[in-house]
PDB file of N, CA and C in Angstrom:
ATOM      1  N   MET A   1     -36.126  -9.134 -31.705  1.00  0.00           N
ATOM      2  CA  MET A   1     -35.748  -7.781 -31.318  1.00  0.00           C
ATOM      3  C   MET A   1     -36.062  -7.531 -29.837  1.00  0.00           C
ATOM      4  N   ARG A   2     -37.190  -8.015 -29.406  1.00  0.00           N
ATOM      5  CA  ARG A   2     -37.608  -7.825 -28.017  1.00  0.00           C
ATOM      6  C   ARG A   2     -36.637  -8.541 -27.066  1.00  0.00           C
ATOM      7  N   LYS A   3     -36.172  -9.714 -27.490  1.00  0.00           N
ATOM      8  CA  LYS A   3     -35.226 -10.471 -26.673  1.00  0.00           C
ATOM      9  C   LYS A   3     -33.898  -9.720 -26.562  1.00  0.00           C
ATOM     10  N   PHE A   4     -33.451  -9.142 -27.669  1.00  0.00           N
ATOM     11  CA  PHE A   4     -32.210  -8.370 -27.681  1.00  0.00           C
ATOM     12  C   PHE A   4     -32.308  -7.151 -26.762  1.00  0.00           C
ATOM     13  N   LEU A   5     -33.436  -6.452 -26.814  1.00  0.00           N
ATOM     14  CA  LEU A   5     -33.635  -5.279 -25.971  1.00  0.00           C
ATOM     15  C   LEU A   5     -33.609  -5.666 -24.491  1.00  0.00           C
ATOM     16  N   GLY A   6     -34.232  -6.766 -24.138  1.00  0.00           N
ATOM     17  CA  GLY A   6     -34.227  -7.249 -22.749  1.00  0.00           C
ATOM     18  C   GLY A   6     -32.819  -7.588 -22.291  1.00  0.00           C
ATOM     19  N   LEU A   7     -32.050  -8.231 -23.174  1.00  0.00           N
ATOM     20  CA  LEU A   7     -30.667  -8.575 -22.853  1.00  0.00           C
ATOM     21  C   LEU A   7     -29.813  -7.310 -22.666  1.00  0.00           C
ATOM     22  N   ALA A   8     -30.003  -6.324 -23.526  1.00  0.00           N
ATOM     23  CA  ALA A   8     -29.240  -5.074 -23.432  1.00  0.00           C
ATOM     24  C   ALA A   8     -29.562  -4.345 -22.133  1.00  0.00           C
ATOM     25  N   ILE A   9     -30.817  -4.292 -21.752  1.00  0.00           N
ATOM     26  CA  ILE A   9     -31.213  -3.632 -20.505  1.00  0.00           C
ATOM     27  C   ILE A   9     -30.633  -4.379 -19.311  1.00  0.00           C
ATOM     28  N   SER A  10     -30.666  -5.695 -19.335  1.00  0.00           N
ATOM     29  CA  SER A  10     -30.091  -6.489 -18.242  1.00  0.00           C
ATOM     30  C   SER A  10     -28.596  -6.249 -18.117  1.00  0.00           C
ATOM     31  N   LEU A  11     -27.910  -6.194 -19.239  1.00  0.00           N
ATOM     32  CA  LEU A  11     -26.472  -5.954 -19.236  1.00  0.00           C
ATOM     33  C   LEU A  11     -26.148  -4.565 -18.676  1.00  0.00           C
ATOM     34  N   MET A  12     -26.928  -3.543 -19.061  1.00  0.00           N
ATOM     35  CA  MET A  12     -26.715  -2.193 -18.538  1.00  0.00           C
ATOM     36  C   MET A  12     -26.956  -2.157 -17.032  1.00  0.00           C
ATOM     37  N   PHE A  13     -27.938  -2.893 -16.551  1.00  0.00           N
ATOM     38  CA  PHE A  13     -28.227  -2.948 -15.125  1.00  0.00           C
ATOM     39  C   PHE A  13     -27.045  -3.560 -14.360  1.00  0.00           C
ATOM     40  N   VAL A  14     -26.501  -4.658 -14.876  1.00  0.00           N
ATOM     41  CA  VAL A  14     -25.372  -5.325 -14.216  1.00  0.00           C
ATOM     42  C   VAL A  14     -24.154  -4.409 -14.177  1.00  0.00           C
ATOM     43  N   VAL A  15     -23.854  -3.731 -15.271  1.00  0.00           N
ATOM     44  CA  VAL A  15     -22.712  -2.822 -15.314  1.00  0.00           C
ATOM     45  C   VAL A  15     -22.914  -1.671 -14.328  1.00  0.00           C
ATOM     46  N   SER A  16     -24.125  -1.125 -14.278  1.00  0.00           N
ATOM     47  CA  SER A  16     -24.420  -0.041 -13.327  1.00  0.00           C
ATOM     48  C   SER A  16     -24.263  -0.515 -11.890  1.00  0.00           C
ATOM     49  N   LEU A  17     -24.749  -1.692 -11.600  1.00  0.00           N
ATOM     50  CA  LEU A  17     -24.648  -2.247 -10.252  1.00  0.00           C
ATOM     51  C   LEU A  17     -23.192  -2.447  -9.846  1.00  0.00           C
ATOM     52  N   LEU A  18     -22.377  -2.962 -10.751  1.00  0.00           N
ATOM     53  CA  LEU A  18     -20.956  -3.161 -10.460  1.00  0.00           C
ATOM     54  C   LEU A  18     -20.252  -1.827 -10.229  1.00  0.00           C
ATOM     55  N   SER A  19     -20.619  -0.797 -10.962  1.00  0.00           N
ATOM     56  CA  SER A  19     -20.030   0.532 -10.777  1.00  0.00           C
ATOM     57  C   SER A  19     -20.374   1.095  -9.402  1.00  0.00           C
ATOM     58  N   VAL A  20     -21.610   0.926  -8.987  1.00  0.00           N
ATOM     59  CA  VAL A  20     -22.041   1.415  -7.678  1.00  0.00           C
ATOM     60  C   VAL A  20     -21.290   0.686  -6.569  1.00  0.00           C
ATOM     61  N   VAL A  21     -21.137  -0.621  -6.701  1.00  0.00           N
ATOM     62  CA  VAL A  21     -20.421  -1.402  -5.697  1.00  0.00           C
ATOM     63  C   VAL A  21     -18.964  -0.967  -5.621  1.00  0.00           C
ATOM     64  N   ALA A  22     -18.319  -0.748  -6.757  1.00  0.00           N
ATOM     65  CA  ALA A  22     -16.914  -0.314  -6.771  1.00  0.00           C
ATOM     66  C   ALA A  22     -16.759   1.047  -6.114  1.00  0.00           C
ATOM     67  N   CYS A  23     -17.674   1.965  -6.369  1.00  0.00           N
ATOM     68  CA  CYS A  23     -17.599   3.291  -5.749  1.00  0.00           C
ATOM     69  C   CYS A  23     -17.851   3.212  -4.249  1.00  0.00           C
ATOM     70  N   ALA A  24     -18.774   2.376  -3.838  1.00  0.00           N
ATOM     71  CA  ALA A  24     -19.089   2.233  -2.415  1.00  0.00           C
ATOM     72  C   ALA A  24     -17.898   1.684  -1.637  1.00  0.00           C
ATOM     73  N   LYS A  25     -17.106   0.851  -2.269  1.00  0.00           N
ATOM     74  CA  LYS A  25     -15.918   0.289  -1.614  1.00  0.00           C
ATOM     75  C   LYS A  25     -14.729   1.237  -1.705  1.00  0.00           C
ATOM     76  N   GLY A  26     -14.931   2.411  -2.300  1.00  0.00           N
ATOM     77  CA  GLY A  26     -13.829   3.371  -2.417  1.00  0.00           C
ATOM     78  C   GLY A  26     -12.875   3.002  -3.522  1.00  0.00           C
ATOM     79  N   GLY A  27     -13.338   2.271  -4.506  1.00  0.00           N
ATOM     80  CA  GLY A  27     -12.490   1.833  -5.592  1.00  0.00           C
ATOM     81  C   GLY A  27     -11.786   2.999  -6.271  1.00  0.00           C
ATOM     82  N   GLY A  28     -10.478   3.002  -6.230  1.00  0.00           N
ATOM     83  CA  GLY A  28      -9.707   4.019  -6.916  1.00  0.00           C
ATOM     84  C   GLY A  28      -9.602   5.333  -6.162  1.00  0.00           C
ATOM     85  N   LYS A  29     -10.150   5.433  -4.989  1.00  0.00           N
ATOM     86  CA  LYS A  29     -10.118   6.694  -4.257  1.00  0.00           C
ATOM     87  C   LYS A  29      -8.737   6.909  -3.652  1.00  0.00           C
ATOM     88  N   GLU A  30      -8.170   8.048  -3.947  1.00  0.00           N
ATOM     89  CA  GLU A  30      -6.857   8.438  -3.450  1.00  0.00           C
ATOM     90  C   GLU A  30      -7.015   9.777  -2.741  1.00  0.00           C
ATOM     91  N   PRO A  31      -7.042   9.796  -1.413  1.00  0.00           N
ATOM     92  CA  PRO A  31      -7.303  11.048  -0.699  1.00  0.00           C
ATOM     93  C   PRO A  31      -6.257  12.141  -0.911  1.00  0.00           C
ATOM     94  N   LEU A  32      -5.031  11.778  -1.229  1.00  0.00           N
ATOM     95  CA  LEU A  32      -3.980  12.780  -1.437  1.00  0.00           C
ATOM     96  C   LEU A  32      -4.057  13.439  -2.812  1.00  0.00           C
ATOM     97  N   VAL A  33      -4.596  12.722  -3.780  1.00  0.00           N
ATOM     98  CA  VAL A  33      -4.612  13.196  -5.165  1.00  0.00           C
ATOM     99  C   VAL A  33      -5.617  14.330  -5.325  1.00  0.00           C
ATOM    100  N   GLY A  34      -5.165  15.413  -5.938  1.00  0.00           N
ATOM    101  CA  GLY A  34      -6.040  16.544  -6.208  1.00  0.00           C
ATOM    102  C   GLY A  34      -5.273  17.847  -6.205  1.00  0.00           C
ATOM    103  N   THR A  35      -6.019  18.935  -6.285  1.00  0.00           N
ATOM    104  CA  THR A  35      -5.445  20.267  -6.230  1.00  0.00           C
ATOM    105  C   THR A  35      -5.773  20.863  -4.867  1.00  0.00           C
ATOM    106  N   TRP A  36      -4.770  21.458  -4.239  1.00  0.00           N
ATOM    107  CA  TRP A  36      -4.879  21.977  -2.874  1.00  0.00           C
ATOM    108  C   TRP A  36      -4.495  23.449  -2.871  1.00  0.00           C
ATOM    109  N   ALA A  37      -5.306  24.285  -2.196  1.00  0.00           N
ATOM    110  CA  ALA A  37      -5.039  25.719  -2.094  1.00  0.00           C
ATOM    111  C   ALA A  37      -4.567  26.045  -0.679  1.00  0.00           C
ATOM    112  N   MET A  38      -3.582  26.943  -0.599  1.00  0.00           N
ATOM    113  CA  MET A  38      -3.026  27.323   0.695  1.00  0.00           C
ATOM    114  C   MET A  38      -4.080  28.034   1.540  1.00  0.00           C
ATOM    115  N   ASP A  39      -4.176  27.627   2.779  1.00  0.00           N
ATOM    116  CA  ASP A  39      -5.092  28.250   3.729  1.00  0.00           C
ATOM    117  C   ASP A  39      -4.652  29.699   3.951  1.00  0.00           C
ATOM    118  N   GLY A  40      -5.526  30.649   3.682  1.00  0.00           N
ATOM    119  CA  GLY A  40      -5.203  32.062   3.837  1.00  0.00           C
ATOM    120  C   GLY A  40      -4.616  32.710   2.595  1.00  0.00           C
ATOM    121  N   ASN A  41      -4.230  31.915   1.595  1.00  0.00           N
ATOM    122  CA  ASN A  41      -3.683  32.431   0.349  1.00  0.00           C
ATOM    123  C   ASN A  41      -4.064  31.486  -0.792  1.00  0.00           C
ATOM    124  N   PRO A  42      -5.370  31.468  -1.181  1.00  0.00           N
ATOM    125  CA  PRO A  42      -5.850  30.484  -2.158  1.00  0.00           C
ATOM    126  C   PRO A  42      -5.229  30.584  -3.549  1.00  0.00           C
ATOM    127  N   GLY A  43      -4.490  31.663  -3.809  1.00  0.00           N
ATOM    128  CA  GLY A  43      -3.796  31.775  -5.092  1.00  0.00           C
ATOM    129  C   GLY A  43      -2.598  30.843  -5.197  1.00  0.00           C
ATOM    130  N   LYS A  44      -2.107  30.366  -4.067  1.00  0.00           N
ATOM    131  CA  LYS A  44      -0.977  29.428  -4.052  1.00  0.00           C
ATOM    132  C   LYS A  44      -1.531  28.019  -3.938  1.00  0.00           C
ATOM    133  N   THR A  45      -1.236  27.213  -4.939  1.00  0.00           N
ATOM    134  CA  THR A  45      -1.759  25.849  -4.958  1.00  0.00           C
ATOM    135  C   THR A  45      -0.643  24.837  -5.171  1.00  0.00           C
ATOM    136  N   VAL A  46      -0.911  23.624  -4.751  1.00  0.00           N
ATOM    137  CA  VAL A  46      -0.080  22.473  -5.072  1.00  0.00           C
ATOM    138  C   VAL A  46      -0.998  21.409  -5.654  1.00  0.00           C
ATOM    139  N   LYS A  47      -0.424  20.559  -6.462  1.00  0.00           N
ATOM    140  CA  LYS A  47      -1.200  19.493  -7.085  1.00  0.00           C
ATOM    141  C   LYS A  47      -0.496  18.171  -6.827  1.00  0.00           C
ATOM    142  N   ILE A  48      -1.277  17.187  -6.428  1.00  0.00           N
ATOM    143  CA  ILE A  48      -0.742  15.836  -6.247  1.00  0.00           C
ATOM    144  C   ILE A  48      -1.461  14.944  -7.246  1.00  0.00           C
ATOM    145  N   SER A  49      -0.683  14.214  -8.021  1.00  0.00           N
ATOM    146  CA  SER A  49      -1.262  13.323  -9.022  1.00  0.00           C
ATOM    147  C   SER A  49      -0.638  11.940  -8.901  1.00  0.00           C
ATOM    148  N   LYS A  50      -1.237  10.994  -9.576  1.00  0.00           N
ATOM    149  CA  LYS A  50      -0.733   9.629  -9.577  1.00  0.00           C
ATOM    150  C   LYS A  50      -0.827   9.093 -10.997  1.00  0.00           C
ATOM    151  N   GLU A  51       0.282   8.581 -11.480  1.00  0.00           N
ATOM    152  CA  GLU A  51       0.344   7.987 -12.814  1.00  0.00           C
ATOM    153  C   GLU A  51       0.830   6.561 -12.627  1.00  0.00           C
ATOM    154  N   GLY A  52      -0.064   5.603 -12.799  1.00  0.00           N
ATOM    155  CA  GLY A  52       0.266   4.214 -12.497  1.00  0.00           C
ATOM    156  C   GLY A  52       0.457   4.088 -10.998  1.00  0.00           C
ATOM    157  N   GLN A  53       1.624   3.634 -10.567  1.00  0.00           N
ATOM    158  CA  GLN A  53       1.933   3.528  -9.140  1.00  0.00           C
ATOM    159  C   GLN A  53       2.753   4.711  -8.625  1.00  0.00           C
ATOM    160  N   GLN A  54       3.138   5.627  -9.522  1.00  0.00           N
ATOM    161  CA  GLN A  54       4.001   6.754  -9.157  1.00  0.00           C
ATOM    162  C   GLN A  54       3.193   8.003  -8.804  1.00  0.00           C
ATOM    163  N   TYR A  55       3.499   8.575  -7.643  1.00  0.00           N
ATOM    164  CA  TYR A  55       2.894   9.842  -7.235  1.00  0.00           C
ATOM    165  C   TYR A  55       3.786  10.993  -7.680  1.00  0.00           C
ATOM    166  N   PHE A  56       3.155  12.159  -7.894  1.00  0.00           N
ATOM    167  CA  PHE A  56       3.877  13.365  -8.258  1.00  0.00           C
ATOM    168  C   PHE A  56       3.358  14.525  -7.430  1.00  0.00           C
ATOM    169  N   TYR A  57       4.271  15.389  -7.025  1.00  0.00           N
ATOM    170  CA  TYR A  57       3.959  16.615  -6.305  1.00  0.00           C
ATOM    171  C   TYR A  57       4.309  17.765  -7.237  1.00  0.00           C
ATOM    172  N   GLU A  58       3.364  18.675  -7.432  1.00  0.00           N
ATOM    173  CA  GLU A  58       3.615  19.810  -8.319  1.00  0.00           C
ATOM    174  C   GLU A  58       3.334  21.114  -7.572  1.00  0.00           C
ATOM    175  N   GLY A  59       4.377  21.896  -7.406  1.00  0.00           N
ATOM    176  CA  GLY A  59       4.263  23.188  -6.740  1.00  0.00           C
ATOM    177  C   GLY A  59       5.030  24.228  -7.530  1.00  0.00           C
ATOM    178  N   SER A  60       5.555  25.219  -6.843  1.00  0.00           N
ATOM    179  CA  SER A  60       6.271  26.307  -7.514  1.00  0.00           C
ATOM    180  C   SER A  60       7.562  25.835  -8.184  1.00  0.00           C
ATOM    181  N   GLN A  61       8.100  24.684  -7.774  1.00  0.00           N
ATOM    182  CA  GLN A  61       9.338  24.164  -8.349  1.00  0.00           C
ATOM    183  C   GLN A  61       9.105  23.194  -9.504  1.00  0.00           C
ATOM    184  N   GLY A  62       7.845  23.020  -9.893  1.00  0.00           N
ATOM    185  CA  GLY A  62       7.524  22.112 -10.987  1.00  0.00           C
ATOM    186  C   GLY A  62       7.039  20.762 -10.472  1.00  0.00           C
ATOM    187  N   LYS A  63       6.923  19.822 -11.362  1.00  0.00           N
ATOM    188  CA  LYS A  63       6.414  18.480 -11.062  1.00  0.00           C
ATOM    189  C   LYS A  63       7.564  17.560 -10.662  1.00  0.00           C
ATOM    190  N   THR A  64       7.447  16.967  -9.465  1.00  0.00           N
ATOM    191  CA  THR A  64       8.516  16.149  -8.906  1.00  0.00           C
ATOM    192  C   THR A  64       7.962  14.811  -8.439  1.00  0.00           C
ATOM    193  N   PRO A  65       8.656  13.699  -8.714  1.00  0.00           N
ATOM    194  CA  PRO A  65       8.198  12.405  -8.196  1.00  0.00           C
ATOM    195  C   PRO A  65       8.147  12.417  -6.670  1.00  0.00           C
ATOM    196  N   ALA A  66       7.189  11.688  -6.126  1.00  0.00           N
ATOM    197  CA  ALA A  66       7.019  11.595  -4.674  1.00  0.00           C
ATOM    198  C   ALA A  66       6.931  10.132  -4.275  1.00  0.00           C
ATOM    199  N   THR A  67       7.390   9.828  -3.078  1.00  0.00           N
ATOM    200  CA  THR A  67       7.343   8.469  -2.538  1.00  0.00           C
ATOM    201  C   THR A  67       6.263   8.398  -1.477  1.00  0.00           C
ATOM    202  N   LYS A  68       5.390   7.407  -1.605  1.00  0.00           N
ATOM    203  CA  LYS A  68       4.332   7.237  -0.609  1.00  0.00           C
ATOM    204  C   LYS A  68       4.921   6.557   0.623  1.00  0.00           C
ATOM    205  N   VAL A  69       4.827   7.226   1.769  1.00  0.00           N
ATOM    206  CA  VAL A  69       5.351   6.713   3.031  1.00  0.00           C
ATOM    207  C   VAL A  69       4.293   5.855   3.720  1.00  0.00           C
ATOM    208  N   ASP A  70       3.083   6.379   3.786  1.00  0.00           N
ATOM    209  CA  ASP A  70       1.935   5.638   4.308  1.00  0.00           C
ATOM    210  C   ASP A  70       0.678   6.171   3.628  1.00  0.00           C
ATOM    211  N   GLU A  71      -0.470   5.742   4.086  1.00  0.00           N
ATOM    212  CA  GLU A  71      -1.736   6.089   3.433  1.00  0.00           C
ATOM    213  C   GLU A  71      -1.939   7.595   3.274  1.00  0.00           C
ATOM    214  N   ASN A  72      -1.384   8.390   4.187  1.00  0.00           N
ATOM    215  CA  ASN A  72      -1.634   9.833   4.177  1.00  0.00           C
ATOM    216  C   ASN A  72      -0.385  10.690   4.041  1.00  0.00           C
ATOM    217  N   THR A  73       0.756  10.081   3.709  1.00  0.00           N
ATOM    218  CA  THR A  73       2.013  10.827   3.692  1.00  0.00           C
ATOM    219  C   THR A  73       2.828  10.541   2.436  1.00  0.00           C
ATOM    220  N   LEU A  74       3.373  11.610   1.862  1.00  0.00           N
ATOM    221  CA  LEU A  74       4.313  11.517   0.743  1.00  0.00           C
ATOM    222  C   LEU A  74       5.612  12.199   1.144  1.00  0.00           C
ATOM    223  N   GLN A  75       6.718  11.702   0.610  1.00  0.00           N
ATOM    224  CA  GLN A  75       8.030  12.312   0.790  1.00  0.00           C
ATOM    225  C   GLN A  75       8.509  12.747  -0.591  1.00  0.00           C
ATOM    226  N   VAL A  76       8.949  14.006  -0.685  1.00  0.00           N
ATOM    227  CA  VAL A  76       9.389  14.561  -1.966  1.00  0.00           C
ATOM    228  C   VAL A  76      10.814  15.062  -1.806  1.00  0.00           C
ATOM    229  N   SER A  77      11.717  14.604  -2.684  1.00  0.00           N
ATOM    230  CA  SER A  77      13.110  15.066  -2.666  1.00  0.00           C
ATOM    231  C   SER A  77      13.281  16.123  -3.736  1.00  0.00           C
ATOM    232  N   MET A  78      13.647  17.334  -3.291  1.00  0.00           N
ATOM    233  CA  MET A  78      13.919  18.440  -4.221  1.00  0.00           C
ATOM    234  C   MET A  78      15.360  18.865  -4.012  1.00  0.00           C
ATOM    235  N   GLY A  79      16.247  18.086  -4.604  1.00  0.00           N
ATOM    236  CA  GLY A  79      17.673  18.326  -4.388  1.00  0.00           C
ATOM    237  C   GLY A  79      17.993  18.029  -2.935  1.00  0.00           C
ATOM    238  N   PRO A  80      18.628  18.967  -2.242  1.00  0.00           N
ATOM    239  CA  PRO A  80      18.970  18.722  -0.837  1.00  0.00           C
ATOM    240  C   PRO A  80      17.788  18.915   0.122  1.00  0.00           C
ATOM    241  N   ILE A  81      16.681  19.418  -0.385  1.00  0.00           N
ATOM    242  CA  ILE A  81      15.518  19.706   0.463  1.00  0.00           C
ATOM    243  C   ILE A  81      14.541  18.537   0.439  1.00  0.00           C
ATOM    244  N   GLN A  82      14.161  18.079   1.622  1.00  0.00           N
ATOM    245  CA  GLN A  82      13.159  17.026   1.770  1.00  0.00           C
ATOM    246  C   GLN A  82      11.832  17.670   2.154  1.00  0.00           C
ATOM    247  N   VAL A  83      10.802  17.388   1.380  1.00  0.00           N
ATOM    248  CA  VAL A  83       9.472  17.929   1.633  1.00  0.00           C
ATOM    249  C   VAL A  83       8.579  16.786   2.097  1.00  0.00           C
ATOM    250  N   THR A  84       7.882  17.001   3.204  1.00  0.00           N
ATOM    251  CA  THR A  84       6.919  16.018   3.694  1.00  0.00           C
ATOM    252  C   THR A  84       5.523  16.572   3.454  1.00  0.00           C
ATOM    253  N   VAL A  85       4.691  15.748   2.804  1.00  0.00           N
ATOM    254  CA  VAL A  85       3.311  16.116   2.506  1.00  0.00           C
ATOM    255  C   VAL A  85       2.434  15.151   3.288  1.00  0.00           C
ATOM    256  N   LYS A  86       1.690  15.680   4.267  1.00  0.00           N
ATOM    257  CA  LYS A  86       0.916  14.807   5.142  1.00  0.00           C
ATOM    258  C   LYS A  86      -0.525  15.301   5.244  1.00  0.00           C
ATOM    259  N   LEU A  87      -1.456  14.390   5.000  1.00  0.00           N
ATOM    260  CA  LEU A  87      -2.886  14.688   5.087  1.00  0.00           C
ATOM    261  C   LEU A  87      -3.413  14.282   6.453  1.00  0.00           C
ATOM    262  N   ASP A  88      -4.143  15.191   7.092  1.00  0.00           N
ATOM    263  CA  ASP A  88      -4.866  14.867   8.318  1.00  0.00           C
ATOM    264  C   ASP A  88      -6.283  14.493   7.880  1.00  0.00           C
ATOM    265  N   PRO A  89      -6.624  13.194   7.881  1.00  0.00           N
ATOM    266  CA  PRO A  89      -7.934  12.781   7.368  1.00  0.00           C
ATOM    267  C   PRO A  89      -9.105  13.326   8.179  1.00  0.00           C
ATOM    268  N   ALA A  90      -8.902  13.621   9.453  1.00  0.00           N
ATOM    269  CA  ALA A  90      -9.993  14.132  10.289  1.00  0.00           C
ATOM    270  C   ALA A  90     -10.429  15.535   9.848  1.00  0.00           C
ATOM    271  N   SER A  91      -9.457  16.384   9.505  1.00  0.00           N
ATOM    272  CA  SER A  91      -9.778  17.755   9.111  1.00  0.00           C
ATOM    273  C   SER A  91      -9.691  17.978   7.603  1.00  0.00           C
ATOM    274  N   ASN A  92      -9.169  17.000   6.872  1.00  0.00           N
ATOM    275  CA  ASN A  92      -8.924  17.098   5.429  1.00  0.00           C
ATOM    276  C   ASN A  92      -8.012  18.290   5.113  1.00  0.00           C
ATOM    277  N   VAL A  93      -7.020  18.496   5.978  1.00  0.00           N
ATOM    278  CA  VAL A  93      -6.020  19.542   5.784  1.00  0.00           C
ATOM    279  C   VAL A  93      -4.702  18.875   5.418  1.00  0.00           C
ATOM    280  N   LEU A  94      -4.073  19.392   4.381  1.00  0.00           N
ATOM    281  CA  LEU A  94      -2.791  18.889   3.904  1.00  0.00           C
ATOM    282  C   LEU A  94      -1.695  19.798   4.445  1.00  0.00           C
ATOM    283  N   ALA A  95      -0.713  19.222   5.126  1.00  0.00           N
ATOM    284  CA  ALA A  95       0.432  19.985   5.627  1.00  0.00           C
ATOM    285  C   ALA A  95       1.629  19.697   4.734  1.00  0.00           C
ATOM    286  N   VAL A  96       2.225  20.759   4.208  1.00  0.00           N
ATOM    287  CA  VAL A  96       3.439  20.655   3.394  1.00  0.00           C
ATOM    288  C   VAL A  96       4.559  21.260   4.238  1.00  0.00           C
ATOM    289  N   SER A  97       5.523  20.414   4.617  1.00  0.00           N
ATOM    290  CA  SER A  97       6.578  20.841   5.546  1.00  0.00           C
ATOM    291  C   SER A  97       7.953  20.671   4.914  1.00  0.00           C
ATOM    292  N   PHE A  98       8.783  21.709   5.084  1.00  0.00           N
ATOM    293  CA  PHE A  98      10.179  21.648   4.642  1.00  0.00           C
ATOM    294  C   PHE A  98      10.964  22.769   5.316  1.00  0.00           C
ATOM    295  N   MET A  99      12.227  22.512   5.566  1.00  0.00           N
ATOM    296  CA  MET A  99      13.142  23.477   6.151  1.00  0.00           C
ATOM    297  C   MET A  99      12.575  24.129   7.420  1.00  0.00           C
ATOM    298  N   GLY A 100      11.929  23.338   8.260  1.00  0.00           N
ATOM    299  CA  GLY A 100      11.407  23.837   9.525  1.00  0.00           C
ATOM    300  C   GLY A 100      10.105  24.604   9.443  1.00  0.00           C
ATOM    301  N   GLU A 101       9.543  24.747   8.259  1.00  0.00           N
ATOM    302  CA  GLU A 101       8.279  25.464   8.062  1.00  0.00           C
ATOM    303  C   GLU A 101       7.193  24.477   7.656  1.00  0.00           C
ATOM    304  N   SER A 102       5.943  24.819   7.980  1.00  0.00           N
ATOM    305  CA  SER A 102       4.805  23.981   7.591  1.00  0.00           C
ATOM    306  C   SER A 102       3.695  24.883   7.075  1.00  0.00           C
ATOM    307  N   TYR A 103       3.111  24.491   5.952  1.00  0.00           N
ATOM    308  CA  TYR A 103       2.047  25.263   5.320  1.00  0.00           C
ATOM    309  C   TYR A 103       0.816  24.369   5.185  1.00  0.00           C
ATOM    310  N   LYS A 104      -0.361  24.930   5.460  1.00  0.00           N
ATOM    311  CA  LYS A 104      -1.617  24.174   5.432  1.00  0.00           C
ATOM    312  C   LYS A 104      -2.366  24.459   4.138  1.00  0.00           C
ATOM    313  N   TYR A 105      -2.952  23.394   3.578  1.00  0.00           N
ATOM    314  CA  TYR A 105      -3.701  23.492   2.326  1.00  0.00           C
ATOM    315  C   TYR A 105      -5.047  22.774   2.480  1.00  0.00           C
ATOM    316  N   LYS A 106      -6.054  23.301   1.757  1.00  0.00           N
ATOM    317  CA  LYS A 106      -7.382  22.687   1.698  1.00  0.00           C
ATOM    318  C   LYS A 106      -7.634  22.253   0.260  1.00  0.00           C
ATOM    319  N   LYS A 107      -8.305  21.116   0.111  1.00  0.00           N
ATOM    320  CA  LYS A 107      -8.564  20.565  -1.214  1.00  0.00           C
ATOM    321  C   LYS A 107      -9.596  21.403  -1.972  1.00  0.00           C
ATOM    322  N   VAL A 108      -9.270  21.717  -3.223  1.00  0.00           N
ATOM    323  CA  VAL A 108     -10.203  22.448  -4.074  1.00  0.00           C
ATOM    324  C   VAL A 108     -10.733  21.577  -5.206  1.00  0.00           C
ATOM    325  N   GLN A 109     -10.032  20.502  -5.529  1.00  0.00           N
ATOM    326  CA  GLN A 109     -10.478  19.562  -6.577  1.00  0.00           C
ATOM    327  C   GLN A 109     -10.051  18.179  -6.225  1.00  0.00           C
TER     328      GLN A 109
END
């Protein structure tokens, strides 16, 4: 029994260590993914999610597939309207731009 307990504790230690290493390397971290509130109007939010390799943008028009352009940019096609979603990593501000307008959002989740 004592040998089993020692083995179980060792196994838990190894799993914990691997989890810490994965988090330290940013394993699974997606800076665009989350819920974002409009700067100056926190009642208006957008949500960016990822299911497998597919990103989704969810705003007032519903949930729409998005294409990742680069590490901080998504392109969303909403019929004839093209929406660009771009994160400024320095300020952690998300800009949602379409039809000549740009709106700023801050991450809430």
